[in-house]
Amino acid sequence: MKIIGGSFGASGKARFAGKYLEVLGEKQKDYQGSDVESVTVRQEKERQFGIFGALIGTLLFGYIGSLFLGVIGWVAGLLFAITGSFYHKRRYFADLEFKDGLKLTLEPNDHEAKKLVKFAET
């Protein structure tokens, strides 16, 4: 998991090692589940544009559109491909607060986010 903020700096990583959470940032420390005061996991969606999808879509839909509508078909295919090339990427963020007063913000994947919540419950 990537460290993106908190008491351990804005870079580094954290990983599970057995029953411990190893934090490897500017400061290094190992935590057990009982050392966690609170965990908050949130999911955010980022809108992104897929350039390859737009190019392929433009060629495909533009060609099909040109068969029926000529130049207007190419333009319609281009607009359709561009609007269809936006997609959402899910990102997770986890805020941990430890009993020693230190805080940590991580960017885990879906599996790691679930594991962090279970880790804090132990």
N, C-alpha and C. Protein backbone atom coordinates (compact mmCIF):
# COMPACT_ATOMS: atom_id res chain seq x y z
N MET A 1 0.84 -1.17 0.00
CA MET A 1 0.00 0.00 0.00
C MET A 1 0.89 1.23 0.00
N LYS A 2 0.48 2.21 -0.72
CA LYS A 2 1.25 3.44 -0.86
C LYS A 2 0.85 4.43 0.24
N ILE A 3 1.85 5.01 0.91
CA ILE A 3 1.60 6.06 1.90
C ILE A 3 1.42 7.37 1.15
N ILE A 4 0.33 8.09 1.43
CA ILE A 4 0.12 9.37 0.77
C ILE A 4 0.01 10.53 1.75
N GLY A 5 0.16 10.26 3.03
CA GLY A 5 0.13 11.34 4.01
C GLY A 5 0.11 10.83 5.43
N GLY A 6 0.18 11.78 6.36
CA GLY A 6 0.13 11.44 7.76
C GLY A 6 1.44 11.70 8.48
N SER A 7 1.58 11.15 9.65
CA SER A 7 2.75 11.36 10.51
C SER A 7 4.02 10.70 9.99
N PHE A 8 3.88 9.82 9.00
CA PHE A 8 5.02 9.08 8.48
C PHE A 8 5.56 9.69 7.19
N GLY A 9 5.09 10.87 6.81
CA GLY A 9 5.53 11.52 5.58
C GLY A 9 4.54 11.28 4.46
N ALA A 10 4.89 11.78 3.28
CA ALA A 10 3.99 11.68 2.13
C ALA A 10 4.45 10.65 1.12
N SER A 11 5.41 9.83 1.49
CA SER A 11 5.85 8.78 0.58
C SER A 11 6.28 7.57 1.39
N GLY A 12 6.38 6.47 0.71
CA GLY A 12 6.74 5.23 1.37
C GLY A 12 5.66 4.19 1.13
N LYS A 13 5.70 3.13 1.91
CA LYS A 13 4.71 2.08 1.76
C LYS A 13 4.41 1.43 3.10
N ALA A 14 3.33 0.72 3.13
CA ALA A 14 2.94 -0.05 4.31
C ALA A 14 2.54 -1.43 3.79
N ARG A 15 2.80 -2.43 4.59
CA ARG A 15 2.45 -3.79 4.18
C ARG A 15 2.16 -4.64 5.40
N PHE A 16 1.41 -5.69 5.16
CA PHE A 16 1.12 -6.63 6.23
C PHE A 16 2.24 -7.66 6.31
N ALA A 17 2.71 -7.90 7.52
CA ALA A 17 3.73 -8.91 7.76
C ALA A 17 3.24 -9.74 8.94
N GLY A 18 2.57 -10.83 8.62
CA GLY A 18 2.00 -11.65 9.67
C GLY A 18 0.90 -10.90 10.38
N LYS A 19 1.04 -10.76 11.71
CA LYS A 19 0.02 -10.04 12.48
C LYS A 19 0.37 -8.56 12.65
N TYR A 20 1.37 -8.09 11.96
CA TYR A 20 1.82 -6.70 12.06
C TYR A 20 1.54 -5.93 10.77
N LEU A 21 1.38 -4.64 10.92
CA LEU A 21 1.34 -3.71 9.81
C LEU A 21 2.66 -2.95 9.85
N GLU A 22 3.50 -3.18 8.87
CA GLU A 22 4.79 -2.50 8.80
C GLU A 22 4.60 -1.19 8.04
N VAL A 23 5.00 -0.09 8.66
CA VAL A 23 4.95 1.20 8.01
C VAL A 23 6.39 1.59 7.68
N LEU A 24 6.66 1.78 6.40
CA LEU A 24 8.01 2.06 5.92
C LEU A 24 8.01 3.42 5.21
N GLY A 25 7.96 4.48 6.00
CA GLY A 25 8.00 5.84 5.47
C GLY A 25 9.23 6.54 6.00
N GLU A 26 9.10 7.86 6.20
CA GLU A 26 10.21 8.60 6.78
C GLU A 26 10.51 8.07 8.18
N LYS A 27 9.45 7.68 8.88
CA LYS A 27 9.58 6.97 10.15
C LYS A 27 9.18 5.53 9.87
N GLN A 28 9.74 4.60 10.61
CA GLN A 28 9.38 3.19 10.43
C GLN A 28 8.87 2.64 11.74
N LYS A 29 7.78 1.91 11.64
CA LYS A 29 7.19 1.36 12.85
C LYS A 29 6.31 0.17 12.48
N ASP A 30 6.17 -0.76 13.42
CA ASP A 30 5.29 -1.91 13.26
C ASP A 30 4.12 -1.77 14.22
N TYR A 31 2.93 -2.08 13.76
CA TYR A 31 1.73 -1.99 14.59
C TYR A 31 0.98 -3.31 14.57
N GLN A 32 0.36 -3.62 15.70
CA GLN A 32 -0.59 -4.72 15.79
C GLN A 32 -1.99 -4.13 15.68
N GLY A 33 -2.97 -4.99 15.47
CA GLY A 33 -4.35 -4.52 15.37
C GLY A 33 -4.82 -3.79 16.61
N SER A 34 -4.36 -4.20 17.77
CA SER A 34 -4.77 -3.56 19.02
C SER A 34 -4.20 -2.15 19.17
N ASP A 35 -3.20 -1.79 18.34
CA ASP A 35 -2.61 -0.45 18.39
C ASP A 35 -3.40 0.58 17.58
N VAL A 36 -4.41 0.11 16.85
CA VAL A 36 -5.17 1.00 15.97
C VAL A 36 -6.35 1.58 16.74
N GLU A 37 -6.43 2.89 16.75
CA GLU A 37 -7.55 3.60 17.40
C GLU A 37 -8.77 3.61 16.48
N SER A 38 -8.56 3.97 15.21
CA SER A 38 -9.67 4.01 14.25
C SER A 38 -9.16 3.83 12.83
N VAL A 39 -10.05 3.29 11.98
CA VAL A 39 -9.78 3.13 10.55
C VAL A 39 -10.99 3.64 9.79
N THR A 40 -10.74 4.49 8.81
CA THR A 40 -11.79 4.98 7.93
C THR A 40 -11.35 4.69 6.50
N VAL A 41 -12.16 3.94 5.78
CA VAL A 41 -11.86 3.63 4.38
C VAL A 41 -12.93 4.28 3.52
N ARG A 42 -12.49 4.98 2.49
CA ARG A 42 -13.42 5.61 1.57
C ARG A 42 -13.03 5.29 0.13
N GLN A 43 -14.02 5.31 -0.72
CA GLN A 43 -13.80 5.01 -2.13
C GLN A 43 -14.14 6.26 -2.93
N GLU A 44 -13.28 6.59 -3.89
CA GLU A 44 -13.53 7.73 -4.76
C GLU A 44 -13.42 7.27 -6.20
N LYS A 45 -14.23 7.88 -7.04
CA LYS A 45 -14.17 7.59 -8.46
C LYS A 45 -13.53 8.77 -9.17
N GLU A 46 -12.57 8.46 -10.01
CA GLU A 46 -11.91 9.48 -10.82
C GLU A 46 -12.35 9.29 -12.26
N ARG A 47 -12.74 10.37 -12.89
CA ARG A 47 -13.12 10.28 -14.29
C ARG A 47 -11.86 10.43 -15.13
N GLN A 48 -11.63 9.48 -16.03
CA GLN A 48 -10.45 9.50 -16.87
C GLN A 48 -10.85 9.32 -18.33
N PHE A 49 -9.96 9.71 -19.20
CA PHE A 49 -10.21 9.64 -20.63
C PHE A 49 -9.30 8.60 -21.25
N GLY A 50 -9.87 7.70 -22.02
CA GLY A 50 -9.09 6.66 -22.69
C GLY A 50 -8.79 7.04 -24.13
N ILE A 51 -7.59 7.46 -24.39
CA ILE A 51 -7.21 7.93 -25.72
C ILE A 51 -7.28 6.81 -26.76
N PHE A 52 -6.85 5.59 -26.38
CA PHE A 52 -6.89 4.48 -27.34
C PHE A 52 -8.32 4.11 -27.70
N GLY A 53 -9.20 4.13 -26.72
CA GLY A 53 -10.61 3.84 -27.00
C GLY A 53 -11.21 4.89 -27.92
N ALA A 54 -10.81 6.13 -27.75
CA ALA A 54 -11.32 7.20 -28.60
C ALA A 54 -10.83 7.03 -30.03
N LEU A 55 -9.56 6.67 -30.20
CA LEU A 55 -9.02 6.49 -31.54
C LEU A 55 -9.66 5.31 -32.27
N ILE A 56 -9.75 4.20 -31.59
CA ILE A 56 -10.35 3.02 -32.21
C ILE A 56 -11.83 3.26 -32.48
N GLY A 57 -12.50 3.87 -31.53
CA GLY A 57 -13.92 4.18 -31.70
C GLY A 57 -14.16 5.15 -32.85
N THR A 58 -13.27 6.13 -32.98
CA THR A 58 -13.41 7.08 -34.08
C THR A 58 -13.29 6.38 -35.42
N LEU A 59 -12.30 5.51 -35.54
CA LEU A 59 -12.14 4.78 -36.80
C LEU A 59 -13.33 3.87 -37.09
N LEU A 60 -13.74 3.13 -36.07
CA LEU A 60 -14.84 2.18 -36.26
C LEU A 60 -16.17 2.90 -36.51
N PHE A 61 -16.56 3.77 -35.59
CA PHE A 61 -17.85 4.45 -35.72
C PHE A 61 -17.84 5.46 -36.86
N GLY A 62 -16.69 6.08 -37.09
CA GLY A 62 -16.60 7.01 -38.22
C GLY A 62 -16.79 6.29 -39.54
N TYR A 63 -16.17 5.13 -39.69
CA TYR A 63 -16.31 4.37 -40.92
C TYR A 63 -17.75 3.90 -41.12
N ILE A 64 -18.34 3.35 -40.08
CA ILE A 64 -19.72 2.88 -40.17
C ILE A 64 -20.65 4.06 -40.46
N GLY A 65 -20.43 5.17 -39.77
CA GLY A 65 -21.27 6.36 -40.00
C GLY A 65 -21.11 6.91 -41.39
N SER A 66 -19.89 6.84 -41.94
CA SER A 66 -19.66 7.38 -43.28
C SER A 66 -20.36 6.54 -44.35
N LEU A 67 -20.58 5.27 -44.08
CA LEU A 67 -21.30 4.42 -45.03
C LEU A 67 -22.73 4.90 -45.23
N PHE A 68 -23.31 5.44 -44.16
CA PHE A 68 -24.71 5.85 -44.23
C PHE A 68 -24.88 7.37 -44.40
N LEU A 69 -23.98 8.16 -43.82
CA LEU A 69 -24.18 9.61 -43.82
C LEU A 69 -23.03 10.41 -44.43
N GLY A 70 -22.03 9.76 -44.95
CA GLY A 70 -20.90 10.46 -45.56
C GLY A 70 -20.05 11.17 -44.52
N VAL A 71 -19.68 12.43 -44.78
CA VAL A 71 -18.81 13.21 -43.89
C VAL A 71 -19.47 13.42 -42.54
N ILE A 72 -20.75 13.62 -42.53
CA ILE A 72 -21.48 13.82 -41.27
C ILE A 72 -21.36 12.56 -40.41
N GLY A 73 -21.31 11.40 -41.03
CA GLY A 73 -21.13 10.15 -40.30
C GLY A 73 -19.79 10.08 -39.60
N TRP A 74 -18.73 10.60 -40.26
CA TRP A 74 -17.40 10.64 -39.61
C TRP A 74 -17.45 11.54 -38.39
N VAL A 75 -18.08 12.68 -38.52
CA VAL A 75 -18.16 13.62 -37.40
C VAL A 75 -18.98 13.01 -36.27
N ALA A 76 -20.10 12.40 -36.60
CA ALA A 76 -20.93 11.76 -35.58
C ALA A 76 -20.16 10.63 -34.89
N GLY A 77 -19.41 9.84 -35.66
CA GLY A 77 -18.60 8.77 -35.09
C GLY A 77 -17.54 9.30 -34.16
N LEU A 78 -16.90 10.40 -34.55
CA LEU A 78 -15.88 11.03 -33.71
C LEU A 78 -16.47 11.50 -32.38
N LEU A 79 -17.60 12.19 -32.44
CA LEU A 79 -18.23 12.68 -31.20
C LEU A 79 -18.68 11.52 -30.31
N PHE A 80 -19.25 10.49 -30.92
CA PHE A 80 -19.69 9.33 -30.16
C PHE A 80 -18.51 8.62 -29.49
N ALA A 81 -17.41 8.50 -30.21
CA ALA A 81 -16.21 7.82 -29.67
C ALA A 81 -15.60 8.63 -28.53
N ILE A 82 -15.53 9.94 -28.67
CA ILE A 82 -14.95 10.78 -27.61
C ILE A 82 -15.79 10.71 -26.35
N THR A 83 -17.10 10.86 -26.46
CA THR A 83 -17.95 10.83 -25.27
C THR A 83 -17.96 9.45 -24.62
N GLY A 84 -17.80 8.40 -25.42
CA GLY A 84 -17.79 7.05 -24.88
C GLY A 84 -16.46 6.62 -24.30
N SER A 85 -15.44 7.44 -24.46
CA SER A 85 -14.10 7.06 -24.00
C SER A 85 -13.79 7.53 -22.58
N PHE A 86 -14.73 8.16 -21.92
CA PHE A 86 -14.54 8.52 -20.51
C PHE A 86 -14.94 7.33 -19.66
N TYR A 87 -14.15 7.04 -18.66
CA TYR A 87 -14.47 5.94 -17.77
C TYR A 87 -14.09 6.33 -16.35
N HIS A 88 -14.59 5.58 -15.40
CA HIS A 88 -14.33 5.85 -13.98
C HIS A 88 -13.32 4.85 -13.44
N LYS A 89 -12.36 5.35 -12.72
CA LYS A 89 -11.39 4.49 -12.05
C LYS A 89 -11.65 4.63 -10.55
N ARG A 90 -11.77 3.49 -9.88
CA ARG A 90 -12.00 3.52 -8.43
C ARG A 90 -10.68 3.54 -7.69
N ARG A 91 -10.61 4.43 -6.71
CA ARG A 91 -9.44 4.48 -5.83
C ARG A 91 -9.94 4.41 -4.40
N TYR A 92 -9.19 3.74 -3.57
CA TYR A 92 -9.51 3.63 -2.15
C TYR A 92 -8.50 4.44 -1.35
N PHE A 93 -8.99 5.04 -0.27
CA PHE A 93 -8.13 5.75 0.66
C PHE A 93 -8.48 5.27 2.06
N ALA A 94 -7.45 5.04 2.87
CA ALA A 94 -7.66 4.58 4.24
C ALA A 94 -6.93 5.53 5.19
N ASP A 95 -7.66 6.03 6.17
CA ASP A 95 -7.09 6.88 7.21
C ASP A 95 -7.02 6.06 8.49
N LEU A 96 -5.83 5.91 9.03
CA LEU A 96 -5.64 5.16 10.26
C LEU A 96 -5.13 6.10 11.33
N GLU A 97 -5.66 5.93 12.52
CA GLU A 97 -5.17 6.67 13.68
C GLU A 97 -4.76 5.63 14.72
N PHE A 98 -3.55 5.80 15.23
CA PHE A 98 -3.01 4.83 16.18
C PHE A 98 -3.09 5.37 17.60
N LYS A 99 -3.03 4.47 18.57
CA LYS A 99 -3.15 4.86 19.97
C LYS A 99 -1.99 5.72 20.44
N ASP A 100 -0.85 5.70 19.74
CA ASP A 100 0.28 6.54 20.12
C ASP A 100 0.17 7.95 19.54
N GLY A 101 -0.98 8.25 18.88
CA GLY A 101 -1.23 9.60 18.35
C GLY A 101 -0.79 9.82 16.91
N LEU A 102 -0.10 8.86 16.32
CA LEU A 102 0.33 9.00 14.93
C LEU A 102 -0.81 8.66 13.98
N LYS A 103 -0.80 9.31 12.82
CA LYS A 103 -1.84 9.09 11.81
C LYS A 103 -1.18 8.66 10.51
N LEU A 104 -1.96 7.97 9.69
CA LEU A 104 -1.45 7.45 8.44
C LEU A 104 -2.57 7.45 7.40
N THR A 105 -2.27 7.93 6.21
CA THR A 105 -3.21 7.87 5.09
C THR A 105 -2.58 7.00 4.01
N LEU A 106 -3.32 5.97 3.62
CA LEU A 106 -2.83 4.99 2.65
C LEU A 106 -3.73 4.96 1.42
N GLU A 107 -3.17 4.46 0.32
CA GLU A 107 -3.95 4.18 -0.88
C GLU A 107 -3.88 2.67 -1.14
N PRO A 108 -4.81 1.92 -0.53
CA PRO A 108 -4.81 0.46 -0.72
C PRO A 108 -5.66 0.07 -1.93
N ASN A 109 -5.54 -1.18 -2.34
CA ASN A 109 -6.49 -1.69 -3.33
C ASN A 109 -7.71 -2.23 -2.57
N ASP A 110 -8.68 -2.77 -3.27
CA ASP A 110 -9.92 -3.23 -2.64
C ASP A 110 -9.65 -4.29 -1.57
N HIS A 111 -8.82 -5.28 -1.89
CA HIS A 111 -8.52 -6.36 -0.96
C HIS A 111 -7.80 -5.82 0.29
N GLU A 112 -6.83 -4.95 0.09
CA GLU A 112 -6.08 -4.39 1.22
C GLU A 112 -6.96 -3.51 2.10
N ALA A 113 -7.92 -2.80 1.50
CA ALA A 113 -8.83 -1.97 2.29
C ALA A 113 -9.67 -2.82 3.24
N LYS A 114 -10.17 -3.94 2.72
CA LYS A 114 -10.94 -4.85 3.57
C LYS A 114 -10.07 -5.45 4.67
N LYS A 115 -8.84 -5.76 4.32
CA LYS A 115 -7.91 -6.35 5.29
C LYS A 115 -7.57 -5.34 6.39
N LEU A 116 -7.46 -4.05 6.05
CA LEU A 116 -7.18 -3.03 7.06
C LEU A 116 -8.31 -2.93 8.08
N VAL A 117 -9.54 -3.01 7.60
CA VAL A 117 -10.69 -2.94 8.51
C VAL A 117 -10.69 -4.15 9.45
N LYS A 118 -10.44 -5.33 8.92
CA LYS A 118 -10.37 -6.53 9.77
C LYS A 118 -9.18 -6.46 10.73
N PHE A 119 -8.08 -5.89 10.27
CA PHE A 119 -6.88 -5.76 11.09
C PHE A 119 -7.18 -4.91 12.33
N ALA A 120 -7.92 -3.83 12.15
CA ALA A 120 -8.24 -2.95 13.26
C ALA A 120 -9.21 -3.57 14.25
N GLU A 121 -10.00 -4.52 13.79
CA GLU A 121 -10.99 -5.17 14.65
C GLU A 121 -10.35 -6.19 15.57
N THR A 122 -9.12 -6.62 15.28
CA THR A 122 -8.50 -7.66 16.11
C THR A 122 -7.79 -7.07 17.30
